[in-house]
């Protein structure tokens, strides 16, 4: 019988990759990433623990618990994460 597990609550840092924030996102990502264009739109190829991943406009770039970076599609990000109130 399979056991059930719940993901531990972890606070992460993230920025959404948009036309307006692309320069700030490039400064945020401290790992090896390559800005590029696909079909005339900016993309970022980010070296992740699982290999190279491409971030498209609208994706979120997450800094993980070990300082790693990776892209997450906006719909998955909204289902998985909620904003932390900073008091």
PDB file of N, CA and C in Angstrom:
ATOM      1  N   UNK A   1       0.834  -1.178   0.000  1.00  0.00           N
ATOM      2  CA  UNK A   1       0.000   0.000   0.000  1.00  0.00           C
ATOM      3  C   UNK A   1       0.885   1.250   0.000  1.00  0.00           C
ATOM      4  N   UNK A   2       0.556   2.219  -0.844  1.00  0.00           N
ATOM      5  CA  UNK A   2       1.310   3.466  -0.931  1.00  0.00           C
ATOM      6  C   UNK A   2       1.003   4.346   0.276  1.00  0.00           C
ATOM      7  N   UNK A   3       2.023   5.016   0.758  1.00  0.00           N
ATOM      8  CA  UNK A   3       1.862   5.960   1.851  1.00  0.00           C
ATOM      9  C   UNK A   3       1.588   7.346   1.286  1.00  0.00           C
ATOM     10  N   UNK A   4       0.890   8.188   2.043  1.00  0.00           N
ATOM     11  CA  UNK A   4       0.605   9.557   1.595  1.00  0.00           C
ATOM     12  C   UNK A   4       1.599  10.516   2.229  1.00  0.00           C
ATOM     13  N   UNK A   5       1.990  11.516   1.450  1.00  0.00           N
ATOM     14  CA  UNK A   5       2.920  12.540   1.909  1.00  0.00           C
ATOM     15  C   UNK A   5       2.385  13.913   1.544  1.00  0.00           C
ATOM     16  N   UNK A   6       2.758  14.896   2.328  1.00  0.00           N
ATOM     17  CA  UNK A   6       2.392  16.288   2.063  1.00  0.00           C
ATOM     18  C   UNK A   6       3.679  17.085   1.895  1.00  0.00           C
ATOM     19  N   UNK A   7       3.692  17.977   0.934  1.00  0.00           N
ATOM     20  CA  UNK A   7       4.859  18.827   0.709  1.00  0.00           C
ATOM     21  C   UNK A   7       5.004  19.794   1.881  1.00  0.00           C
ATOM     22  N   UNK A   8       6.211  19.889   2.410  1.00  0.00           N
ATOM     23  CA  UNK A   8       6.469  20.794   3.518  1.00  0.00           C
ATOM     24  C   UNK A   8       6.282  22.237   3.078  1.00  0.00           C
ATOM     25  N   UNK A   9       5.720  23.054   3.958  1.00  0.00           N
ATOM     26  CA  UNK A   9       5.608  24.475   3.598  1.00  0.00           C
ATOM     27  C   UNK A   9       6.992  25.131   3.586  1.00  0.00           C
ATOM     28  N   UNK A  10       7.337  25.706   2.475  1.00  0.00           N
ATOM     29  CA  UNK A  10       8.641  26.331   2.292  1.00  0.00           C
ATOM     30  C   UNK A  10       8.428  27.685   1.634  1.00  0.00           C
ATOM     31  N   UNK A  11       9.100  28.696   2.156  1.00  0.00           N
ATOM     32  CA  UNK A  11       9.051  30.004   1.510  1.00  0.00           C
ATOM     33  C   UNK A  11      10.139  30.058   0.448  1.00  0.00           C
ATOM     34  N   UNK A  12       9.761  30.565  -0.726  1.00  0.00           N
ATOM     35  CA  UNK A  12      10.704  30.679  -1.834  1.00  0.00           C
ATOM     36  C   UNK A  12      10.710  32.127  -2.321  1.00  0.00           C
ATOM     37  N   UNK A  13      11.696  32.480  -3.099  1.00  0.00           N
ATOM     38  CA  UNK A  13      11.720  33.757  -3.797  1.00  0.00           C
ATOM     39  C   UNK A  13      11.358  33.480  -5.246  1.00  0.00           C
ATOM     40  N   UNK A  14      10.595  34.389  -5.853  1.00  0.00           N
ATOM     41  CA  UNK A  14      10.191  34.192  -7.245  1.00  0.00           C
ATOM     42  C   UNK A  14       9.948  35.540  -7.906  1.00  0.00           C
ATOM     43  N   UNK A  15      10.153  35.563  -9.204  1.00  0.00           N
ATOM     44  CA  UNK A  15       9.831  36.728 -10.037  1.00  0.00           C
ATOM     45  C   UNK A  15       9.161  36.223 -11.294  1.00  0.00           C
ATOM     46  N   UNK A  16       8.151  36.971 -11.756  1.00  0.00           N
ATOM     47  CA  UNK A  16       7.517  36.594 -13.009  1.00  0.00           C
ATOM     48  C   UNK A  16       8.303  37.210 -14.163  1.00  0.00           C
ATOM     49  N   UNK A  17       8.554  36.400 -15.179  1.00  0.00           N
ATOM     50  CA  UNK A  17       9.310  36.792 -16.365  1.00  0.00           C
ATOM     51  C   UNK A  17       8.349  37.425 -17.367  1.00  0.00           C
ATOM     52  N   UNK A  18       8.409  38.751 -17.503  1.00  0.00           N
ATOM     53  CA  UNK A  18       7.559  39.478 -18.436  1.00  0.00           C
ATOM     54  C   UNK A  18       8.432  40.436 -19.243  1.00  0.00           C
ATOM     55  N   UNK A  19       7.841  41.060 -20.251  1.00  0.00           N
ATOM     56  CA  UNK A  19       8.585  42.072 -21.013  1.00  0.00           C
ATOM     57  C   UNK A  19       9.091  43.174 -20.086  1.00  0.00           C
ATOM     58  N   UNK A  20       8.265  43.541 -19.104  1.00  0.00           N
ATOM     59  CA  UNK A  20       8.616  44.636 -18.202  1.00  0.00           C
ATOM     60  C   UNK A  20       9.680  44.240 -17.182  1.00  0.00           C
ATOM     61  N   UNK A  21       9.738  42.957 -16.788  1.00  0.00           N
ATOM     62  CA  UNK A  21      10.659  42.532 -15.724  1.00  0.00           C
ATOM     63  C   UNK A  21      11.856  41.727 -16.217  1.00  0.00           C
ATOM     64  N   UNK A  22      12.002  41.544 -17.514  1.00  0.00           N
ATOM     65  CA  UNK A  22      13.044  40.634 -18.011  1.00  0.00           C
ATOM     66  C   UNK A  22      14.445  41.031 -17.548  1.00  0.00           C
ATOM     67  N   UNK A  23      14.757  42.328 -17.474  1.00  0.00           N
ATOM     68  CA  UNK A  23      16.090  42.742 -17.022  1.00  0.00           C
ATOM     69  C   UNK A  23      16.282  42.441 -15.535  1.00  0.00           C
ATOM     70  N   UNK A  24      15.249  42.689 -14.719  1.00  0.00           N
ATOM     71  CA  UNK A  24      15.335  42.391 -13.291  1.00  0.00           C
ATOM     72  C   UNK A  24      15.451  40.885 -13.047  1.00  0.00           C
ATOM     73  N   UNK A  25      14.738  40.089 -13.858  1.00  0.00           N
ATOM     74  CA  UNK A  25      14.815  38.635 -13.716  1.00  0.00           C
ATOM     75  C   UNK A  25      16.221  38.149 -14.039  1.00  0.00           C
ATOM     76  N   UNK A  26      16.836  38.701 -15.071  1.00  0.00           N
ATOM     77  CA  UNK A  26      18.211  38.315 -15.406  1.00  0.00           C
ATOM     78  C   UNK A  26      19.162  38.623 -14.253  1.00  0.00           C
ATOM     79  N   UNK A  27      18.929  39.721 -13.538  1.00  0.00           N
ATOM     80  CA  UNK A  27      19.755  40.043 -12.372  1.00  0.00           C
ATOM     81  C   UNK A  27      19.431  39.134 -11.190  1.00  0.00           C
ATOM     82  N   UNK A  28      18.192  38.680 -11.080  1.00  0.00           N
ATOM     83  CA  UNK A  28      17.745  37.801  -9.992  1.00  0.00           C
ATOM     84  C   UNK A  28      18.363  36.404 -10.118  1.00  0.00           C
ATOM     85  N   UNK A  29      18.416  35.892 -11.334  1.00  0.00           N
ATOM     86  CA  UNK A  29      18.918  34.533 -11.565  1.00  0.00           C
ATOM     87  C   UNK A  29      20.441  34.574 -11.541  1.00  0.00           C
ATOM     88  N   UNK A  30      21.012  33.938 -10.525  1.00  0.00           N
ATOM     89  CA  UNK A  30      22.470  33.988 -10.363  1.00  0.00           C
ATOM     90  C   UNK A  30      23.167  32.759 -10.943  1.00  0.00           C
ATOM     91  N   UNK A  31      22.403  31.803 -11.465  1.00  0.00           N
ATOM     92  CA  UNK A  31      23.024  30.641 -12.098  1.00  0.00           C
ATOM     93  C   UNK A  31      23.270  30.964 -13.569  1.00  0.00           C
ATOM     94  N   UNK A  32      23.784  30.002 -14.279  1.00  0.00           N
ATOM     95  CA  UNK A  32      24.055  30.188 -15.694  1.00  0.00           C
ATOM     96  C   UNK A  32      22.740  30.173 -16.481  1.00  0.00           C
ATOM     97  N   UNK A  33      22.406  31.284 -17.072  1.00  0.00           N
ATOM     98  CA  UNK A  33      21.216  31.333 -17.921  1.00  0.00           C
ATOM     99  C   UNK A  33      21.542  32.139 -19.162  1.00  0.00           C
ATOM    100  N   UNK A  34      20.844  31.828 -20.242  1.00  0.00           N
ATOM    101  CA  UNK A  34      21.079  32.475 -21.524  1.00  0.00           C
ATOM    102  C   UNK A  34      19.798  33.141 -22.003  1.00  0.00           C
ATOM    103  N   UNK A  35      19.776  34.475 -22.081  1.00  0.00           N
ATOM    104  CA  UNK A  35      18.621  35.114 -22.717  1.00  0.00           C
ATOM    105  C   UNK A  35      18.671  34.839 -24.211  1.00  0.00           C
ATOM    106  N   UNK A  36      17.525  34.641 -24.800  1.00  0.00           N
ATOM    107  CA  UNK A  36      17.447  34.310 -26.210  1.00  0.00           C
ATOM    108  C   UNK A  36      16.086  34.751 -26.735  1.00  0.00           C
ATOM    109  N   UNK A  37      15.806  34.396 -27.980  1.00  0.00           N
ATOM    110  CA  UNK A  37      14.511  34.689 -28.585  1.00  0.00           C
ATOM    111  C   UNK A  37      13.992  33.441 -29.277  1.00  0.00           C
ATOM    112  N   UNK A  38      12.696  33.207 -29.165  1.00  0.00           N
ATOM    113  CA  UNK A  38      12.009  32.139 -29.904  1.00  0.00           C
ATOM    114  C   UNK A  38      10.761  32.744 -30.507  1.00  0.00           C
ATOM    115  N   UNK A  39      10.646  32.586 -31.796  1.00  0.00           N
ATOM    116  CA  UNK A  39       9.500  33.146 -32.524  1.00  0.00           C
ATOM    117  C   UNK A  39       9.346  34.638 -32.230  1.00  0.00           C
ATOM    118  N   UNK A  40      10.497  35.324 -32.114  1.00  0.00           N
ATOM    119  CA  UNK A  40      10.506  36.760 -31.905  1.00  0.00           C
ATOM    120  C   UNK A  40      10.222  37.207 -30.483  1.00  0.00           C
ATOM    121  N   UNK A  41      10.049  36.266 -29.546  1.00  0.00           N
ATOM    122  CA  UNK A  41       9.749  36.628 -28.156  1.00  0.00           C
ATOM    123  C   UNK A  41      10.920  36.221 -27.265  1.00  0.00           C
ATOM    124  N   UNK A  42      11.187  37.032 -26.212  1.00  0.00           N
ATOM    125  CA  UNK A  42      12.300  36.690 -25.328  1.00  0.00           C
ATOM    126  C   UNK A  42      12.012  35.425 -24.521  1.00  0.00           C
ATOM    127  N   UNK A  43      13.043  34.614 -24.345  1.00  0.00           N
ATOM    128  CA  UNK A  43      13.009  33.425 -23.492  1.00  0.00           C
ATOM    129  C   UNK A  43      14.319  33.398 -22.711  1.00  0.00           C
ATOM    130  N   UNK A  44      14.340  32.588 -21.647  1.00  0.00           N
ATOM    131  CA  UNK A  44      15.561  32.361 -20.878  1.00  0.00           C
ATOM    132  C   UNK A  44      15.787  30.865 -20.793  1.00  0.00           C
ATOM    133  N   UNK A  45      16.984  30.436 -21.119  1.00  0.00           N
ATOM    134  CA  UNK A  45      17.362  29.033 -20.940  1.00  0.00           C
ATOM    135  C   UNK A  45      18.172  28.978 -19.643  1.00  0.00           C
ATOM    136  N   UNK A  46      17.628  28.259 -18.649  1.00  0.00           N
ATOM    137  CA  UNK A  46      18.212  28.219 -17.312  1.00  0.00           C
ATOM    138  C   UNK A  46      18.773  26.825 -17.055  1.00  0.00           C
ATOM    139  N   UNK A  47      20.023  26.773 -16.587  1.00  0.00           N
ATOM    140  CA  UNK A  47      20.606  25.494 -16.186  1.00  0.00           C
ATOM    141  C   UNK A  47      20.039  25.139 -14.814  1.00  0.00           C
ATOM    142  N   UNK A  48      19.289  24.020 -14.755  1.00  0.00           N
ATOM    143  CA  UNK A  48      18.679  23.570 -13.507  1.00  0.00           C
ATOM    144  C   UNK A  48      19.322  22.263 -13.075  1.00  0.00           C
ATOM    145  N   UNK A  49      18.922  21.776 -11.914  1.00  0.00           N
ATOM    146  CA  UNK A  49      19.433  20.488 -11.437  1.00  0.00           C
ATOM    147  C   UNK A  49      19.006  19.348 -12.350  1.00  0.00           C
ATOM    148  N   UNK A  50      17.895  19.538 -13.095  1.00  0.00           N
ATOM    149  CA  UNK A  50      17.394  18.509 -14.014  1.00  0.00           C
ATOM    150  C   UNK A  50      17.842  18.719 -15.454  1.00  0.00           C
ATOM    151  N   UNK A  51      18.682  19.719 -15.696  1.00  0.00           N
ATOM    152  CA  UNK A  51      19.115  20.038 -17.055  1.00  0.00           C
ATOM    153  C   UNK A  51      18.588  21.396 -17.481  1.00  0.00           C
ATOM    154  N   UNK A  52      18.845  21.769 -18.725  1.00  0.00           N
ATOM    155  CA  UNK A  52      18.413  23.073 -19.223  1.00  0.00           C
ATOM    156  C   UNK A  52      16.894  23.113 -19.359  1.00  0.00           C
ATOM    157  N   UNK A  53      16.299  24.216 -18.859  1.00  0.00           N
ATOM    158  CA  UNK A  53      14.856  24.436 -18.975  1.00  0.00           C
ATOM    159  C   UNK A  53      14.643  25.836 -19.549  1.00  0.00           C
ATOM    160  N   UNK A  54      13.621  25.977 -20.364  1.00  0.00           N
ATOM    161  CA  UNK A  54      13.326  27.256 -21.011  1.00  0.00           C
ATOM    162  C   UNK A  54      12.167  27.941 -20.319  1.00  0.00           C
ATOM    163  N   UNK A  55      12.375  29.215 -19.977  1.00  0.00           N
ATOM    164  CA  UNK A  55      11.322  30.051 -19.405  1.00  0.00           C
ATOM    165  C   UNK A  55      10.805  30.971 -20.493  1.00  0.00           C
ATOM    166  N   UNK A  56       9.493  30.997 -20.651  1.00  0.00           N
ATOM    167  CA  UNK A  56       8.832  31.880 -21.610  1.00  0.00           C
ATOM    168  C   UNK A  56       8.183  33.035 -20.859  1.00  0.00           C
ATOM    169  N   UNK A  57       7.808  34.078 -21.594  1.00  0.00           N
ATOM    170  CA  UNK A  57       7.118  35.196 -20.966  1.00  0.00           C
ATOM    171  C   UNK A  57       5.893  34.683 -20.227  1.00  0.00           C
ATOM    172  N   UNK A  58       5.679  35.169 -19.013  1.00  0.00           N
ATOM    173  CA  UNK A  58       4.560  34.744 -18.187  1.00  0.00           C
ATOM    174  C   UNK A  58       4.931  33.685 -17.174  1.00  0.00           C
ATOM    175  N   UNK A  59       6.047  32.975 -17.400  1.00  0.00           N
ATOM    176  CA  UNK A  59       6.510  31.972 -16.442  1.00  0.00           C
ATOM    177  C   UNK A  59       7.090  32.667 -15.215  1.00  0.00           C
ATOM    178  N   UNK A  60       7.123  31.934 -14.114  1.00  0.00           N
ATOM    179  CA  UNK A  60       7.763  32.406 -12.890  1.00  0.00           C
ATOM    180  C   UNK A  60       9.122  31.735 -12.778  1.00  0.00           C
ATOM    181  N   UNK A  61      10.119  32.492 -12.302  1.00  0.00           N
ATOM    182  CA  UNK A  61      11.437  31.948 -12.036  1.00  0.00           C
ATOM    183  C   UNK A  61      11.551  31.838 -10.522  1.00  0.00           C
ATOM    184  N   UNK A  62      11.781  30.629 -10.058  1.00  0.00           N
ATOM    185  CA  UNK A  62      11.804  30.347  -8.623  1.00  0.00           C
ATOM    186  C   UNK A  62      13.227  30.059  -8.182  1.00  0.00           C
ATOM    187  N   UNK A  63      13.566  30.619  -7.024  1.00  0.00           N
ATOM    188  CA  UNK A  63      14.828  30.271  -6.363  1.00  0.00           C
ATOM    189  C   UNK A  63      14.474  29.245  -5.298  1.00  0.00           C
ATOM    190  N   UNK A  64      14.956  28.024  -5.445  1.00  0.00           N
ATOM    191  CA  UNK A  64      14.615  26.928  -4.546  1.00  0.00           C
ATOM    192  C   UNK A  64      15.362  26.980  -3.229  1.00  0.00           C
ATOM    193  N   UNK A  65      15.082  26.011  -2.384  1.00  0.00           N
ATOM    194  CA  UNK A  65      15.624  25.990  -1.032  1.00  0.00           C
ATOM    195  C   UNK A  65      17.134  25.800  -0.988  1.00  0.00           C
ATOM    196  N   UNK A  66      17.732  25.281  -2.054  1.00  0.00           N
ATOM    197  CA  UNK A  66      19.182  25.114  -2.100  1.00  0.00           C
ATOM    198  C   UNK A  66      19.851  26.158  -2.996  1.00  0.00           C
ATOM    199  N   UNK A  67      19.113  27.233  -3.316  1.00  0.00           N
ATOM    200  CA  UNK A  67      19.662  28.300  -4.147  1.00  0.00           C
ATOM    201  C   UNK A  67      19.584  28.023  -5.631  1.00  0.00           C
ATOM    202  N   UNK A  68      18.926  26.926  -6.014  1.00  0.00           N
ATOM    203  CA  UNK A  68      18.783  26.582  -7.426  1.00  0.00           C
ATOM    204  C   UNK A  68      17.637  27.394  -8.042  1.00  0.00           C
ATOM    205  N   UNK A  69      17.697  27.598  -9.345  1.00  0.00           N
ATOM    206  CA  UNK A  69      16.665  28.338 -10.067  1.00  0.00           C
ATOM    207  C   UNK A  69      15.987  27.430 -11.080  1.00  0.00           C
ATOM    208  N   UNK A  70      14.709  27.650 -11.271  1.00  0.00           N
ATOM    209  CA  UNK A  70      13.983  26.909 -12.296  1.00  0.00           C
ATOM    210  C   UNK A  70      12.691  27.635 -12.643  1.00  0.00           C
ATOM    211  N   UNK A  71      12.208  27.474 -13.891  1.00  0.00           N
ATOM    212  CA  UNK A  71      10.967  28.120 -14.305  1.00  0.00           C
ATOM    213  C   UNK A  71       9.744  27.267 -13.963  1.00  0.00           C
ATOM    214  N   UNK A  72       8.642  27.955 -13.711  1.00  0.00           N
ATOM    215  CA  UNK A  72       7.355  27.303 -13.450  1.00  0.00           C
ATOM    216  C   UNK A  72       6.293  28.045 -14.253  1.00  0.00           C
ATOM    217  N   UNK A  73       5.459  27.307 -14.964  1.00  0.00           N
ATOM    218  CA  UNK A  73       4.366  27.918 -15.727  1.00  0.00           C
ATOM    219  C   UNK A  73       3.427  28.652 -14.776  1.00  0.00           C
ATOM    220  N   UNK A  74       2.851  29.763 -15.235  1.00  0.00           N
ATOM    221  CA  UNK A  74       2.023  30.615 -14.398  1.00  0.00           C
ATOM    222  C   UNK A  74       0.858  29.863 -13.756  1.00  0.00           C
ATOM    223  N   UNK A  75       0.158  29.006 -14.503  1.00  0.00           N
ATOM    224  CA  UNK A  75      -0.995  28.307 -13.928  1.00  0.00           C
ATOM    225  C   UNK A  75      -0.571  27.356 -12.814  1.00  0.00           C
ATOM    226  N   UNK A  76       0.566  26.686 -12.961  1.00  0.00           N
ATOM    227  CA  UNK A  76       1.081  25.793 -11.914  1.00  0.00           C
ATOM    228  C   UNK A  76       1.527  26.607 -10.708  1.00  0.00           C
ATOM    229  N   UNK A  77       2.178  27.734 -10.954  1.00  0.00           N
ATOM    230  CA  UNK A  77       2.630  28.596  -9.864  1.00  0.00           C
ATOM    231  C   UNK A  77       1.438  29.044  -9.028  1.00  0.00           C
ATOM    232  N   UNK A  78       0.370  29.495  -9.687  1.00  0.00           N
ATOM    233  CA  UNK A  78      -0.811  29.984  -8.963  1.00  0.00           C
ATOM    234  C   UNK A  78      -1.489  28.878  -8.163  1.00  0.00           C
ATOM    235  N   UNK A  79      -1.440  27.632  -8.640  1.00  0.00           N
ATOM    236  CA  UNK A  79      -2.029  26.513  -7.902  1.00  0.00           C
ATOM    237  C   UNK A  79      -1.165  26.061  -6.728  1.00  0.00           C
ATOM    238  N   UNK A  80       0.136  26.298  -6.814  1.00  0.00           N
ATOM    239  CA  UNK A  80       1.081  25.746  -5.853  1.00  0.00           C
ATOM    240  C   UNK A  80       1.525  26.737  -4.781  1.00  0.00           C
ATOM    241  N   UNK A  81       1.595  28.021  -5.117  1.00  0.00           N
ATOM    242  CA  UNK A  81       2.171  29.004  -4.213  1.00  0.00           C
ATOM    243  C   UNK A  81       1.165  30.092  -3.877  1.00  0.00           C
ATOM    244  N   UNK A  82       1.320  30.657  -2.678  1.00  0.00           N
ATOM    245  CA  UNK A  82       0.561  31.840  -2.288  1.00  0.00           C
ATOM    246  C   UNK A  82       1.537  32.859  -1.744  1.00  0.00           C
ATOM    247  N   UNK A  83       1.195  34.126  -1.907  1.00  0.00           N
ATOM    248  CA  UNK A  83       2.081  35.204  -1.466  1.00  0.00           C
ATOM    249  C   UNK A  83       2.171  35.215   0.062  1.00  0.00           C
ATOM    250  N   UNK A  84       3.366  35.425   0.578  1.00  0.00           N
ATOM    251  CA  UNK A  84       3.611  35.489   2.011  1.00  0.00           C
ATOM    252  C   UNK A  84       3.490  36.941   2.448  1.00  0.00           C
ATOM    253  N   UNK A  85       2.686  37.165   3.481  1.00  0.00           N
ATOM    254  CA  UNK A  85       2.597  38.508   4.062  1.00  0.00           C
ATOM    255  C   UNK A  85       3.853  38.760   4.883  1.00  0.00           C
ATOM    256  N   UNK A  86       4.548  39.821   4.556  1.00  0.00           N
ATOM    257  CA  UNK A  86       5.754  40.170   5.292  1.00  0.00           C
ATOM    258  C   UNK A  86       5.404  41.192   6.337  1.00  0.00           C
ATOM    259  N   UNK A  87       5.465  40.782   7.605  1.00  0.00           N
ATOM    260  CA  UNK A  87       5.131  41.691   8.710  1.00  0.00           C
ATOM    261  C   UNK A  87       6.360  42.364   9.236  1.00  0.00           C
TER     262      UNK A  87
END
